[in-house]
Amino acid sequence: MKLPILLGTLAALADIFGGLLLVRRNWEKRYLRYFVALGAGFMMAAAFLEMLPESFKLSINWAPVLVLAGYCAIHLLEHTITPHFHFGEETHHDEFLTRHTGNSVAFGLAVHALFDGVAIGSGFVLSNWLGWIIFLAIFLHKIPEGFTVASVMVASGRSRTNAFYSAVLLAAATLAGVLVISLLPSWVRFGLPVSAGVAIYVAATDLVPEVNREPGIRMALVFFLGVVVFFLLRLLAPSI
């Protein structure tokens, strides 16, 4: 139980670090795009090649339904409650991005973060290998996630202090997700497939479009590097 909580804490701290990057004006923000691209490739590979197969082992009948439910739930969330949403720096500073919009985006990202924690906890219930792979997939997009929520809060008229605390909110949600599964490991049969659906949505719908927005092939190559890193880890790690 200690290892998933420790790694969940590390993932949560990455959210906070992302918020700090926004507060510090002198940070070179283009480096965040590399995290987005690398994380998108790694998460896509981890979701399809590890999380989905393990979910089907838990319940061949219910796993597909729960994966779809996780995917649809985040789609519904992002296109109804939090319709103004993308990973990266928010540049709108007009009436379109209201305080209500900022709050709704923070809420939506907190739900993401909660399922990030659920995914990490679920992975370690089944095996250390799966737990580590899911942790790495989650960790790679945590800094951009924290930066995003802080950026949206600033663009909606909040102070940089409030923006930082919004990143802390994501960190708390991540830890809450880890603790739920760590304390109730029998919930893994629901937590893993639902979080797999969420991971697929985040990778394919939130992260990949940010990669595709960049001109040239550099970001696309970083995306494929994320996939390659996953396969290298799978090749080099001992069978569990």
Protein backbone atom coordinates (compact mmCIF):
# COMPACT_ATOMS: atom_id res chain seq x y z
CA MET A 1 0.00 0.00 0.00
CA LYS A 2 2.92 2.36 0.66
CA LEU A 3 4.28 2.29 -2.91
CA PRO A 4 1.08 3.40 -4.70
CA ILE A 5 0.55 6.18 -2.15
CA LEU A 6 4.18 7.30 -2.56
CA LEU A 7 3.91 7.36 -6.35
CA GLY A 8 0.48 8.95 -6.17
CA THR A 9 2.03 11.69 -4.06
CA LEU A 10 4.78 12.14 -6.66
CA ALA A 11 2.16 12.45 -9.42
CA ALA A 12 0.25 14.94 -7.28
CA LEU A 13 3.41 17.00 -6.76
CA ALA A 14 3.82 17.13 -10.55
CA ASP A 15 0.42 18.85 -10.72
CA ILE A 16 1.62 21.40 -8.17
CA PHE A 17 4.89 21.89 -10.06
CA GLY A 18 2.90 22.56 -13.23
CA GLY A 19 0.97 25.25 -11.38
CA LEU A 20 4.21 26.81 -10.18
CA LEU A 21 5.46 27.02 -13.76
CA LEU A 22 2.54 29.27 -14.59
CA VAL A 23 3.21 31.46 -11.56
CA ARG A 24 6.84 31.85 -12.60
CA ARG A 25 6.73 34.09 -15.65
CA ASN A 26 10.30 33.35 -16.76
CA TRP A 27 9.71 29.65 -17.52
CA GLU A 28 10.11 28.55 -21.12
CA LYS A 29 6.64 27.09 -21.67
CA ARG A 30 7.34 25.40 -25.00
CA TYR A 31 9.01 22.54 -23.14
CA LEU A 32 5.60 21.53 -21.79
CA ARG A 33 4.58 20.50 -25.29
CA TYR A 34 7.23 17.80 -25.24
CA PHE A 35 5.68 16.36 -22.07
CA VAL A 36 2.26 16.43 -23.74
CA ALA A 37 3.50 14.62 -26.85
CA LEU A 38 5.59 12.04 -24.97
CA GLY A 39 2.80 11.44 -22.46
CA ALA A 40 0.20 11.04 -25.21
CA GLY A 41 2.17 8.28 -26.94
CA PHE A 42 3.07 6.47 -23.73
CA MET A 43 -0.46 6.70 -22.32
CA MET A 44 -2.05 5.48 -25.54
CA ALA A 45 0.22 2.43 -25.58
CA ALA A 46 -0.28 1.73 -21.87
CA ALA A 47 -4.07 2.03 -22.09
CA PHE A 48 -4.49 -0.24 -25.12
CA LEU A 49 -1.81 -2.81 -24.37
CA GLU A 50 -1.93 -3.06 -20.57
CA MET A 51 -5.00 -1.47 -19.03
CA LEU A 52 -7.54 -2.88 -21.48
CA PRO A 53 -6.28 -6.51 -21.42
CA GLU A 54 -6.09 -6.50 -17.63
CA SER A 55 -9.59 -5.05 -17.44
CA PHE A 56 -10.95 -7.83 -19.65
CA LYS A 57 -9.30 -10.42 -17.39
CA LEU A 58 -11.26 -9.02 -14.46
CA SER A 59 -14.60 -9.28 -16.24
CA ILE A 60 -14.97 -10.11 -19.92
CA ASN A 61 -18.64 -9.15 -19.82
CA TRP A 62 -18.54 -5.91 -17.86
CA ALA A 63 -15.11 -4.53 -18.71
CA PRO A 64 -16.03 -3.27 -22.22
CA VAL A 65 -19.13 -1.57 -20.81
CA LEU A 66 -17.14 0.10 -18.04
CA VAL A 67 -14.38 1.23 -20.42
CA LEU A 68 -17.00 2.82 -22.65
CA ALA A 69 -18.67 4.36 -19.60
CA GLY A 70 -15.39 5.97 -18.53
CA TYR A 71 -14.78 7.33 -22.02
CA CYS A 72 -18.33 8.66 -22.39
CA ALA A 73 -18.39 10.17 -18.91
CA ILE A 74 -15.34 12.34 -19.62
CA HIS A 75 -16.68 13.24 -23.07
CA LEU A 76 -19.95 14.34 -21.47
CA LEU A 77 -18.08 16.27 -18.78
CA GLU A 78 -15.86 18.15 -21.21
CA HIS A 79 -18.61 19.03 -23.67
CA THR A 80 -21.33 20.04 -21.23
CA ILE A 81 -19.99 21.10 -17.83
CA THR A 82 -16.52 22.19 -19.00
CA PRO A 83 -16.86 23.06 -22.70
CA HIS A 84 -13.81 25.38 -22.82
CA PHE A 85 -10.90 23.05 -22.33
CA HIS A 86 -7.49 22.20 -23.79
CA PHE A 87 -4.08 21.26 -22.46
CA GLY A 88 -1.56 24.09 -22.53
CA GLU A 89 -1.53 27.81 -21.88
CA GLU A 90 -4.84 29.64 -22.04
CA THR A 91 -4.49 32.91 -23.95
CA HIS A 92 -8.08 34.21 -23.88
CA HIS A 93 -8.50 37.13 -21.50
CA ASP A 94 -11.94 38.38 -22.49
CA GLU A 95 -15.54 37.97 -21.49
CA PHE A 96 -15.66 34.53 -23.11
CA LEU A 97 -13.51 33.07 -20.35
CA THR A 98 -15.57 33.95 -17.27
CA ARG A 99 -14.96 33.01 -13.66
CA HIS A 100 -17.65 30.36 -14.01
CA THR A 101 -15.77 28.89 -16.98
CA GLY A 102 -12.57 28.84 -14.97
CA ASN A 103 -14.29 27.03 -12.12
CA SER A 104 -15.88 24.50 -14.47
CA VAL A 105 -12.55 23.71 -16.14
CA ALA A 106 -10.92 23.27 -12.72
CA PHE A 107 -13.73 20.89 -11.76
CA GLY A 108 -13.32 18.92 -14.98
CA LEU A 109 -9.58 18.57 -14.50
CA ALA A 110 -10.13 17.54 -10.89
CA VAL A 111 -12.31 14.67 -12.15
CA HIS A 112 -9.48 13.73 -14.55
CA ALA A 113 -7.04 13.82 -11.66
CA LEU A 114 -9.29 11.67 -9.49
CA PHE A 115 -9.32 8.94 -12.14
CA ASP A 116 -5.56 9.34 -12.57
CA GLY A 117 -5.26 8.31 -8.94
CA VAL A 118 -7.78 5.49 -9.38
CA ALA A 119 -5.73 4.19 -12.30
CA ILE A 120 -2.47 4.20 -10.33
CA GLY A 121 -4.07 2.49 -7.33
CA SER A 122 -5.80 -0.09 -9.52
CA GLY A 123 -2.60 -0.95 -11.31
CA PHE A 124 -0.76 -1.74 -8.10
CA VAL A 125 -3.62 -3.90 -6.84
CA LEU A 126 -2.96 -6.24 -9.78
CA SER A 127 0.84 -6.07 -10.14
CA ASN A 128 3.81 -3.81 -9.54
CA TRP A 129 4.54 -3.81 -13.28
CA LEU A 130 1.08 -2.51 -14.18
CA GLY A 131 1.21 0.02 -11.37
CA TRP A 132 4.54 1.44 -12.51
CA ILE A 133 3.47 1.60 -16.16
CA ILE A 134 0.25 3.42 -15.30
CA PHE A 135 2.13 5.75 -12.95
CA LEU A 136 4.57 6.72 -15.71
CA ALA A 137 1.73 7.28 -18.16
CA ILE A 138 -0.05 9.52 -15.66
CA PHE A 139 3.08 11.33 -14.48
CA LEU A 140 4.08 12.45 -17.98
CA HIS A 141 0.96 14.56 -18.43
CA LYS A 142 0.68 15.82 -14.85
CA ILE A 143 2.92 18.88 -15.24
CA PRO A 144 0.98 20.12 -18.31
CA GLU A 145 -2.25 19.39 -16.42
CA GLY A 146 -1.24 21.55 -13.45
CA PHE A 147 -0.03 24.29 -15.78
CA THR A 148 -3.30 24.16 -17.73
CA VAL A 149 -5.60 24.61 -14.74
CA ALA A 150 -3.48 27.47 -13.37
CA SER A 151 -3.42 29.14 -16.78
CA VAL A 152 -7.21 28.92 -17.15
CA MET A 153 -7.74 30.40 -13.70
CA VAL A 154 -5.48 33.38 -14.49
CA ALA A 155 -7.21 33.91 -17.84
CA SER A 156 -10.58 33.94 -16.08
CA GLY A 157 -9.47 36.80 -13.84
CA ARG A 158 -8.15 34.97 -10.77
CA SER A 159 -4.92 35.81 -9.00
CA ARG A 160 -1.80 33.72 -9.47
CA THR A 161 -2.17 32.58 -5.88
CA ASN A 162 -5.64 31.20 -6.65
CA ALA A 163 -4.23 29.67 -9.82
CA PHE A 164 -1.61 27.84 -7.77
CA TYR A 165 -4.25 26.54 -5.36
CA SER A 166 -6.23 25.17 -8.30
CA ALA A 167 -3.20 23.00 -9.10
CA VAL A 168 -3.15 21.91 -5.45
CA LEU A 169 -6.80 20.87 -5.90
CA LEU A 170 -5.76 18.53 -8.72
CA ALA A 171 -3.03 17.10 -6.53
CA ALA A 172 -5.54 16.39 -3.75
CA ALA A 173 -7.93 14.72 -6.22
CA THR A 174 -5.12 12.49 -7.49
CA LEU A 175 -4.23 11.35 -4.00
CA ALA A 176 -7.91 10.76 -3.19
CA GLY A 177 -8.19 8.41 -6.17
CA VAL A 178 -5.13 6.42 -5.08
CA LEU A 179 -6.41 6.16 -1.51
CA VAL A 180 -9.88 4.95 -2.54
CA ILE A 181 -8.50 1.94 -4.41
CA SER A 182 -5.74 1.30 -1.86
CA LEU A 183 -8.30 1.14 0.95
CA LEU A 184 -10.93 -0.71 -1.12
CA PRO A 185 -8.92 -2.98 -3.44
CA SER A 186 -12.01 -5.00 -4.42
CA TRP A 187 -13.14 -1.93 -6.38
CA VAL A 188 -10.36 -2.58 -8.89
CA ARG A 189 -12.79 -4.51 -11.14
CA PHE A 190 -14.62 -1.22 -11.63
CA GLY A 191 -11.79 1.25 -11.16
CA LEU A 192 -9.38 -0.16 -13.74
CA PRO A 193 -11.75 -0.41 -16.73
CA VAL A 194 -13.38 2.96 -16.03
CA SER A 195 -9.99 4.64 -15.65
CA ALA A 196 -8.84 2.87 -18.84
CA GLY A 197 -11.70 4.55 -20.70
CA VAL A 198 -10.72 7.88 -19.16
CA ALA A 199 -7.07 7.35 -20.12
CA ILE A 200 -7.99 6.58 -23.73
CA TYR A 201 -10.11 9.72 -23.88
CA VAL A 202 -7.41 11.92 -22.34
CA ALA A 203 -4.72 10.56 -24.66
CA ALA A 204 -6.74 10.54 -27.89
CA THR A 205 -8.99 13.57 -27.42
CA ASP A 206 -7.11 15.93 -25.10
CA LEU A 207 -3.42 15.27 -25.68
CA VAL A 208 -3.12 14.16 -29.32
CA PRO A 209 -4.92 17.27 -30.68
CA GLU A 210 -2.38 19.42 -28.85
CA VAL A 211 0.38 17.44 -30.58
CA ASN A 212 -1.32 17.87 -33.94
CA ARG A 213 -1.57 21.65 -33.50
CA GLU A 214 2.20 21.98 -33.73
CA PRO A 215 3.63 22.60 -37.22
CA GLY A 216 6.21 20.22 -38.61
CA ILE A 217 6.93 16.66 -37.56
CA ARG A 218 8.89 17.21 -34.34
CA MET A 219 5.95 16.78 -31.94
CA ALA A 220 4.66 13.79 -33.91
CA LEU A 221 8.06 12.13 -33.54
CA VAL A 222 8.00 12.79 -29.79
CA PHE A 223 4.56 11.13 -29.67
CA PHE A 224 5.99 8.03 -31.36
CA LEU A 225 8.95 8.18 -28.99
CA GLY A 226 6.46 7.79 -26.14
CA VAL A 227 5.15 4.61 -27.76
CA VAL A 228 8.69 3.32 -28.31
CA VAL A 229 9.62 3.99 -24.67
CA PHE A 230 6.63 1.92 -23.59
CA PHE A 231 7.71 -1.02 -25.75
CA LEU A 232 11.30 -0.77 -24.51
CA LEU A 233 10.12 -0.93 -20.91
CA ARG A 234 7.91 -3.88 -21.76
CA LEU A 235 10.82 -5.64 -23.43
CA LEU A 236 13.34 -4.97 -20.69
CA ALA A 237 11.13 -5.52 -17.64
CA PRO A 238 10.88 -9.04 -16.21
CA SER A 239 7.64 -10.90 -16.73
CA ILE A 240 5.15 -10.55 -13.87
